[in-house]
């Protein structure tokens, strides 16, 4: 895997979770240094990274995302004659909003960024460049798959983990969408999902409206690779392979669940139900198209909407109980066993 790892401070934590090789900007160092009394972010220009848990600093004008992309391309070429998995949580397009090597104001001598949200007068200026560079990185990886003659039978899943940050305003269908990262709105939780697999997808180029969340990725990969799901750890995911095969009707996914710090949300295709962790401050929102939601008052709910709200409340309560059960402790113990048996 390569990119951004924020799931622990142990230098070998990616290996702890089964990744054999890694090139990462991660929490062990926070990717920061102190230069002349300033807190400098070191994930982009002249980055501070870790390779398989070993620290490595770059000082010759290297660009963190390009280092990670090169690492992946090299891995693909070396493993082209056997099945492989690459996980690339990109450093782009996260803050700080900084110049890329393709920006007009790129400075290879800078030792990181002193800003986080970018230029106060135009925070989107460098964000646009960063999106373009992320696209460039995807193109480089696809080109490597073709060069290594494994393009046709490689499944590529491209998606995001949250909506754009609050300073970012995106033109969309004649209107403007303000970034909602960190919120339970559609602008904070609804992201693109693009799947490409030349040898496996039937009727390519389709746009589907199925509900998909990250718990669905694991069973999807297991089905594609014919690996068995663990019997002792039942999951909530539903494979999207039926959708890839143009058999969406065979897939059952009526709602998705999202947890973020103090709030939780259950969402189906038309309604979302958001509440605090303790169930307080709950509200049902009805959506008419993308990003166009109306929060509903309890007094105005129809009979069907009242029943749906009760169903969503029960779902949140059940999943909260499951999350706080011994499953987490079992996972921790199993993780320690995996680490000790390496």
Protein backbone atom coordinates (compact mmCIF):
# COMPACT_ATOMS: atom_id res chain seq x y z
CA UNK A 1 0.00 0.00 0.00
CA UNK A 2 1.05 3.58 -0.45
CA UNK A 3 -0.20 7.04 0.45
CA UNK A 4 -1.76 8.18 3.71
CA UNK A 5 -2.04 5.91 6.74
CA UNK A 6 -3.82 7.25 9.81
CA UNK A 7 -4.73 4.11 11.74
CA UNK A 8 -2.13 4.02 14.47
CA UNK A 9 1.33 5.19 15.45
CA UNK A 10 3.25 1.90 15.29
CA UNK A 11 5.71 2.09 12.42
CA UNK A 12 4.82 -1.46 11.37
CA UNK A 13 1.06 -1.07 11.68
CA UNK A 14 0.41 -1.59 7.94
CA UNK A 15 2.28 -4.90 8.18
CA UNK A 16 0.32 -5.63 11.34
CA UNK A 17 -2.83 -5.51 9.19
CA UNK A 18 -1.39 -7.71 6.45
CA UNK A 19 0.22 -5.25 4.00
CA UNK A 20 3.57 -6.68 2.98
CA UNK A 21 5.06 -3.48 1.56
CA UNK A 22 4.28 0.18 2.22
CA UNK A 23 5.30 3.72 1.31
CA UNK A 24 3.48 6.11 3.60
CA UNK A 25 3.01 9.51 5.12
CA UNK A 26 1.57 8.61 8.50
CA UNK A 27 0.94 9.47 12.13
CA UNK A 28 4.20 8.10 13.47
CA UNK A 29 5.82 11.35 12.45
CA UNK A 30 2.76 13.43 11.55
CA UNK A 31 4.72 14.34 8.43
CA UNK A 32 5.76 17.56 10.12
CA UNK A 33 8.98 19.29 11.10
CA UNK A 34 9.84 22.52 12.83
CA UNK A 35 11.73 25.01 10.69
CA UNK A 36 12.59 28.44 12.09
CA UNK A 37 9.88 28.12 14.72
CA UNK A 38 7.20 27.25 12.16
CA UNK A 39 5.23 24.02 12.07
CA UNK A 40 5.88 22.66 8.58
CA UNK A 41 3.74 20.01 6.90
CA UNK A 42 6.00 17.57 5.06
CA UNK A 43 3.71 15.35 3.00
CA UNK A 44 4.02 17.09 -0.39
CA UNK A 45 7.21 18.92 -1.42
CA UNK A 46 10.35 17.29 0.05
CA UNK A 47 8.27 14.82 2.06
CA UNK A 48 9.03 12.84 5.20
CA UNK A 49 7.81 9.31 4.52
CA UNK A 50 8.23 5.76 5.77
CA UNK A 51 9.07 2.71 3.69
CA UNK A 52 8.04 -0.51 5.42
CA UNK A 53 8.30 1.29 8.75
CA UNK A 54 11.72 2.84 8.03
CA UNK A 55 11.89 6.63 7.98
CA UNK A 56 13.12 8.39 4.87
CA UNK A 57 13.38 12.15 4.31
CA UNK A 58 13.45 13.68 0.84
CA UNK A 59 15.25 16.98 0.25
CA UNK A 60 15.91 17.19 -3.50
CA UNK A 61 12.59 18.57 -4.68
CA UNK A 62 10.68 15.27 -4.62
CA UNK A 63 6.89 15.30 -4.45
CA UNK A 64 5.25 12.95 -1.95
CA UNK A 65 2.34 11.81 -4.16
CA UNK A 66 4.71 11.10 -7.05
CA UNK A 67 6.99 9.06 -4.78
CA UNK A 68 3.97 6.98 -3.74
CA UNK A 69 2.77 6.54 -7.33
CA UNK A 70 6.24 5.44 -8.46
CA UNK A 71 6.32 2.96 -5.57
CA UNK A 72 3.03 1.44 -6.74
CA UNK A 73 4.10 1.27 -10.38
CA UNK A 74 7.31 -0.50 -9.37
CA UNK A 75 5.33 -2.95 -7.22
CA UNK A 76 2.96 -3.74 -10.11
CA UNK A 77 5.83 -4.46 -12.48
CA UNK A 78 7.61 -6.72 -9.98
CA UNK A 79 4.44 -8.68 -9.20
CA UNK A 80 2.85 -8.82 -12.65
CA UNK A 81 3.15 -12.61 -12.92
CA UNK A 82 1.04 -13.32 -9.83
CA UNK A 83 -2.17 -11.96 -8.24
CA UNK A 84 -1.66 -8.77 -6.23
CA UNK A 85 -3.57 -6.20 -4.20
CA UNK A 86 -2.68 -2.51 -4.17
CA UNK A 87 -4.34 -0.12 -1.72
CA UNK A 88 -3.64 3.55 -2.50
CA UNK A 89 -5.26 6.04 -0.08
CA UNK A 90 -3.82 9.09 -1.83
CA UNK A 91 -2.10 11.92 -0.01
CA UNK A 92 -3.82 14.10 -2.61
CA UNK A 93 -6.16 15.97 -2.52
CA UNK A 94 -6.05 16.54 1.22
CA UNK A 95 -4.92 19.73 2.94
CA UNK A 96 -2.62 21.54 2.88
CA UNK A 97 -3.69 22.99 -0.46
CA UNK A 98 -0.26 23.35 -1.98
CA UNK A 99 1.39 23.74 -5.39
CA UNK A 100 2.18 20.58 -7.35
CA UNK A 101 5.15 20.09 -9.70
CA UNK A 102 2.79 21.15 -12.51
CA UNK A 103 1.82 24.44 -10.80
CA UNK A 104 3.32 27.70 -12.03
CA UNK A 105 4.48 28.56 -8.49
CA UNK A 106 6.02 25.18 -7.68
CA UNK A 107 9.20 25.59 -5.62
CA UNK A 108 11.28 22.39 -5.25
CA UNK A 109 13.40 23.99 -2.53
CA UNK A 110 10.54 24.47 -0.08
CA UNK A 111 10.68 22.21 2.97
CA UNK A 112 6.94 21.76 3.23
CA UNK A 113 3.93 23.97 3.77
CA UNK A 114 3.24 26.51 6.50
CA UNK A 115 -0.42 26.81 5.51
CA UNK A 116 -3.22 24.26 5.74
CA UNK A 117 -6.28 25.56 3.92
CA UNK A 118 -4.18 27.19 1.23
CA UNK A 119 -4.22 30.75 -0.08
CA UNK A 120 -6.76 32.72 1.99
CA UNK A 121 -7.72 34.82 -0.99
CA UNK A 122 -8.18 31.83 -3.30
CA UNK A 123 -8.14 28.48 -1.44
CA UNK A 124 -9.26 26.68 -4.59
CA UNK A 125 -6.29 27.79 -6.68
CA UNK A 126 -3.99 24.96 -5.68
CA UNK A 127 -6.82 22.53 -5.02
CA UNK A 128 -7.56 22.51 -8.74
CA UNK A 129 -3.91 21.71 -9.44
CA UNK A 130 -4.00 18.91 -6.87
CA UNK A 131 -7.08 17.32 -8.44
CA UNK A 132 -5.35 17.45 -11.83
CA UNK A 133 -2.26 15.77 -10.38
CA UNK A 134 -4.37 13.05 -8.75
CA UNK A 135 -5.86 12.36 -12.17
CA UNK A 136 -2.35 12.26 -13.59
CA UNK A 137 -1.32 9.70 -10.96
CA UNK A 138 -4.25 7.44 -11.86
CA UNK A 139 -3.21 7.67 -15.50
CA UNK A 140 0.35 6.65 -14.63
CA UNK A 141 -0.89 3.59 -12.73
CA UNK A 142 -3.21 2.55 -15.57
CA UNK A 143 -0.34 2.99 -18.02
CA UNK A 144 1.83 0.73 -15.85
CA UNK A 145 -0.88 -1.94 -15.78
CA UNK A 146 -0.94 -1.83 -19.59
CA UNK A 147 2.84 -1.91 -19.82
CA UNK A 148 2.93 -4.92 -17.49
CA UNK A 149 0.21 -6.65 -19.59
CA UNK A 150 -2.19 -7.03 -16.65
CA UNK A 151 -4.65 -4.26 -17.48
CA UNK A 152 -7.58 -6.36 -18.70
CA UNK A 153 -7.91 -8.55 -15.64
CA UNK A 154 -7.17 -5.91 -13.01
CA UNK A 155 -10.11 -4.57 -11.02
CA UNK A 156 -9.75 -0.85 -10.24
CA UNK A 157 -12.00 0.73 -7.61
CA UNK A 158 -11.72 4.53 -7.45
CA UNK A 159 -13.60 6.41 -4.73
CA UNK A 160 -13.24 8.94 -1.89
CA UNK A 161 -13.62 8.79 1.87
CA UNK A 162 -15.52 12.05 2.36
CA UNK A 163 -16.75 15.16 0.59
CA UNK A 164 -14.51 18.10 -0.24
CA UNK A 165 -13.31 20.45 2.48
CA UNK A 166 -15.36 23.48 3.49
CA UNK A 167 -13.32 26.13 1.61
CA UNK A 168 -13.96 24.31 -1.67
CA UNK A 169 -16.96 25.25 -3.81
CA UNK A 170 -17.62 23.03 -6.83
CA UNK A 171 -19.65 24.07 -9.90
CA UNK A 172 -22.19 21.34 -10.58
CA UNK A 173 -25.14 21.28 -12.99
CA UNK A 174 -25.48 25.05 -13.05
CA UNK A 175 -25.24 25.46 -9.29
CA UNK A 176 -22.51 25.54 -6.65
CA UNK A 177 -21.86 22.79 -4.10
CA UNK A 178 -20.08 23.88 -0.91
CA UNK A 179 -17.75 21.24 0.54
CA UNK A 180 -19.23 19.40 3.52
CA UNK A 181 -16.34 17.36 4.88
CA UNK A 182 -16.98 16.37 8.51
CA UNK A 183 -20.76 16.73 8.22
CA UNK A 184 -23.53 14.17 7.74
CA UNK A 185 -24.92 15.98 4.72
CA UNK A 186 -24.70 14.57 1.19
CA UNK A 187 -21.84 17.00 0.51
CA UNK A 188 -19.92 15.37 3.35
CA UNK A 189 -20.74 11.71 2.82
CA UNK A 190 -21.71 11.13 -0.81
CA UNK A 191 -18.68 10.56 -3.03
CA UNK A 192 -17.92 9.25 -6.52
CA UNK A 193 -17.39 5.52 -7.08
CA UNK A 194 -15.88 4.41 -10.37
CA UNK A 195 -15.14 0.75 -11.07
CA UNK A 196 -13.13 -0.42 -14.06
CA UNK A 197 -12.39 -4.03 -15.01
CA UNK A 198 -12.16 -4.69 -18.76
CA UNK A 199 -12.33 -8.48 -18.45
CA UNK A 200 -14.99 -8.60 -15.77
CA UNK A 201 -17.56 -5.83 -16.26
CA UNK A 202 -20.53 -6.44 -18.51
CA UNK A 203 -21.99 -3.51 -20.42
CA UNK A 204 -19.31 -1.01 -19.42
CA UNK A 205 -20.11 2.70 -19.18
CA UNK A 206 -23.27 2.29 -17.11
CA UNK A 207 -24.32 4.65 -14.31
CA UNK A 208 -26.00 2.82 -11.41
CA UNK A 209 -27.84 4.20 -8.39
CA UNK A 210 -27.17 1.30 -6.00
CA UNK A 211 -26.24 2.11 -2.42
CA UNK A 212 -22.58 1.30 -1.75
CA UNK A 213 -20.43 1.86 1.35
CA UNK A 214 -16.92 0.82 2.36
CA UNK A 215 -18.09 -2.36 4.12
CA UNK A 216 -19.01 -3.59 0.63
CA UNK A 217 -15.42 -3.50 -0.62
CA UNK A 218 -14.22 -6.51 1.40
CA UNK A 219 -16.90 -8.98 0.22
CA UNK A 220 -16.46 -7.65 -3.31
CA UNK A 221 -12.74 -8.41 -3.30
CA UNK A 222 -13.37 -11.82 -1.73
CA UNK A 223 -15.89 -12.72 -4.43
CA UNK A 224 -13.66 -11.52 -7.25
CA UNK A 225 -10.69 -13.51 -5.92
CA UNK A 226 -12.82 -16.51 -4.83
CA UNK A 227 -11.60 -16.06 -1.26
CA UNK A 228 -13.91 -17.15 1.55
CA UNK A 229 -15.38 -14.63 3.97
CA UNK A 230 -14.38 -15.29 7.61
CA UNK A 231 -17.12 -17.26 9.36
CA UNK A 232 -16.21 -16.01 12.84
CA UNK A 233 -16.60 -12.33 11.93
CA UNK A 234 -19.83 -11.66 10.05
CA UNK A 235 -19.82 -8.39 8.14
CA UNK A 236 -22.38 -5.85 7.02
CA UNK A 237 -21.12 -5.53 3.47
CA UNK A 238 -22.77 -6.67 0.26
CA UNK A 239 -20.60 -7.48 -2.75
CA UNK A 240 -21.09 -5.23 -5.77
CA UNK A 241 -20.10 -7.99 -8.20
CA UNK A 242 -23.75 -8.43 -9.30
CA UNK A 243 -23.74 -4.76 -10.33
CA UNK A 244 -20.51 -5.23 -12.26
CA UNK A 245 -22.13 -8.13 -14.09
CA UNK A 246 -25.17 -6.00 -14.92
CA UNK A 247 -27.34 -7.94 -12.47
CA UNK A 248 -28.05 -5.18 -9.95
CA UNK A 249 -31.42 -6.71 -9.10
CA UNK A 250 -29.63 -9.65 -7.48
CA UNK A 251 -27.97 -7.38 -4.92
CA UNK A 252 -29.76 -6.45 -1.70
CA UNK A 253 -28.64 -3.21 -0.08
CA UNK A 254 -31.48 -1.11 1.31
CA UNK A 255 -29.49 1.31 3.48
CA UNK A 256 -26.00 2.42 4.48
CA UNK A 257 -24.66 3.35 7.91
CA UNK A 258 -22.18 6.16 8.56
CA UNK A 259 -20.45 6.93 11.85
CA UNK A 260 -18.37 10.04 12.43
CA UNK A 261 -17.31 11.12 15.90
CA UNK A 262 -20.40 12.48 17.63
CA UNK A 263 -22.98 11.63 14.99
CA UNK A 264 -24.36 8.63 13.12
CA UNK A 265 -26.49 8.34 10.01
CA UNK A 266 -28.63 5.76 8.26
CA UNK A 267 -29.36 6.53 4.62
CA UNK A 268 -31.48 4.91 1.95
CA UNK A 269 -31.94 6.20 -1.58
CA UNK A 270 -34.37 8.96 -0.62
CA UNK A 271 -34.06 9.58 3.13
CA UNK A 272 -31.31 10.09 5.67
CA UNK A 273 -31.69 9.87 9.44
CA UNK A 274 -29.02 11.68 11.45
CA UNK A 275 -28.67 11.63 15.25
CA UNK A 276 -26.12 12.16 17.99
CA UNK A 277 -24.47 9.04 19.39
CA UNK A 278 -26.96 8.96 22.27
CA UNK A 279 -29.90 9.27 19.90
CA UNK A 280 -30.61 12.92 20.66
CA UNK A 281 -31.06 15.72 18.12
CA UNK A 282 -32.40 13.25 15.56
CA UNK A 283 -33.87 14.35 12.25
CA UNK A 284 -35.17 12.77 9.08
CA UNK A 285 -34.21 14.41 5.78
CA UNK A 286 -35.89 13.78 2.45
CA UNK A 287 -33.82 14.13 -0.73
CA UNK A 288 -35.11 15.13 -4.13
CA UNK A 289 -32.11 14.56 -6.36
CA UNK A 290 -28.44 14.94 -5.46
CA UNK A 291 -27.50 17.35 -2.64
CA UNK A 292 -31.05 18.67 -2.39
CA UNK A 293 -32.31 17.65 1.04
CA UNK A 294 -35.15 18.98 3.19
CA UNK A 295 -35.09 18.36 6.93
CA UNK A 296 -38.54 17.23 8.05
CA UNK A 297 -40.34 18.16 11.26
CA UNK A 298 -41.85 15.27 13.21
CA UNK A 299 -45.25 16.90 13.05
CA UNK A 300 -45.12 16.89 9.24
CA UNK A 301 -44.11 13.25 8.74
CA UNK A 302 -46.40 10.95 6.81
CA UNK A 303 -47.36 7.56 8.23
CA UNK A 304 -44.76 5.91 6.02
CA UNK A 305 -42.07 8.39 7.10
CA UNK A 306 -42.86 7.85 10.78
CA UNK A 307 -42.47 4.10 10.31
CA UNK A 308 -39.19 4.65 8.44
CA UNK A 309 -37.87 6.86 11.23
CA UNK A 310 -38.60 4.15 13.83
CA UNK A 311 -36.85 1.61 11.65
CA UNK A 312 -33.78 3.85 11.31
CA UNK A 313 -33.74 4.51 15.08
CA UNK A 314 -33.74 0.77 15.75
CA UNK A 315 -30.93 0.23 13.24
CA UNK A 316 -28.75 2.90 14.86
CA UNK A 317 -29.36 1.43 18.33
CA UNK A 318 -28.50 -2.09 17.15
CA UNK A 319 -25.30 -1.05 15.41
CA UNK A 320 -24.21 1.11 18.36
CA UNK A 321 -24.52 -1.93 20.60
CA UNK A 322 -22.56 -4.07 18.15
CA UNK A 323 -19.81 -1.47 17.84
CA UNK A 324 -19.32 -1.34 21.60
CA UNK A 325 -19.46 -5.13 22.06
CA UNK A 326 -16.56 -7.53 22.52
CA UNK A 327 -16.00 -7.60 18.75
CA UNK A 328 -13.53 -4.74 19.07
CA UNK A 329 -11.61 -6.55 21.80
CA UNK A 330 -11.56 -9.75 19.75
CA UNK A 331 -10.18 -7.81 16.82
CA UNK A 332 -7.43 -6.32 18.99
CA UNK A 333 -6.43 -9.76 20.31
CA UNK A 334 -6.40 -11.28 16.83
CA UNK A 335 -4.30 -8.38 15.58
CA UNK A 336 -1.72 -9.02 18.30
CA UNK A 337 -1.62 -12.70 17.31
CA UNK A 338 -1.03 -11.77 13.68
CA UNK A 339 1.77 -9.43 14.71
CA UNK A 340 3.47 -12.03 16.93
CA UNK A 341 3.22 -14.74 14.27
CA UNK A 342 4.86 -12.74 11.47
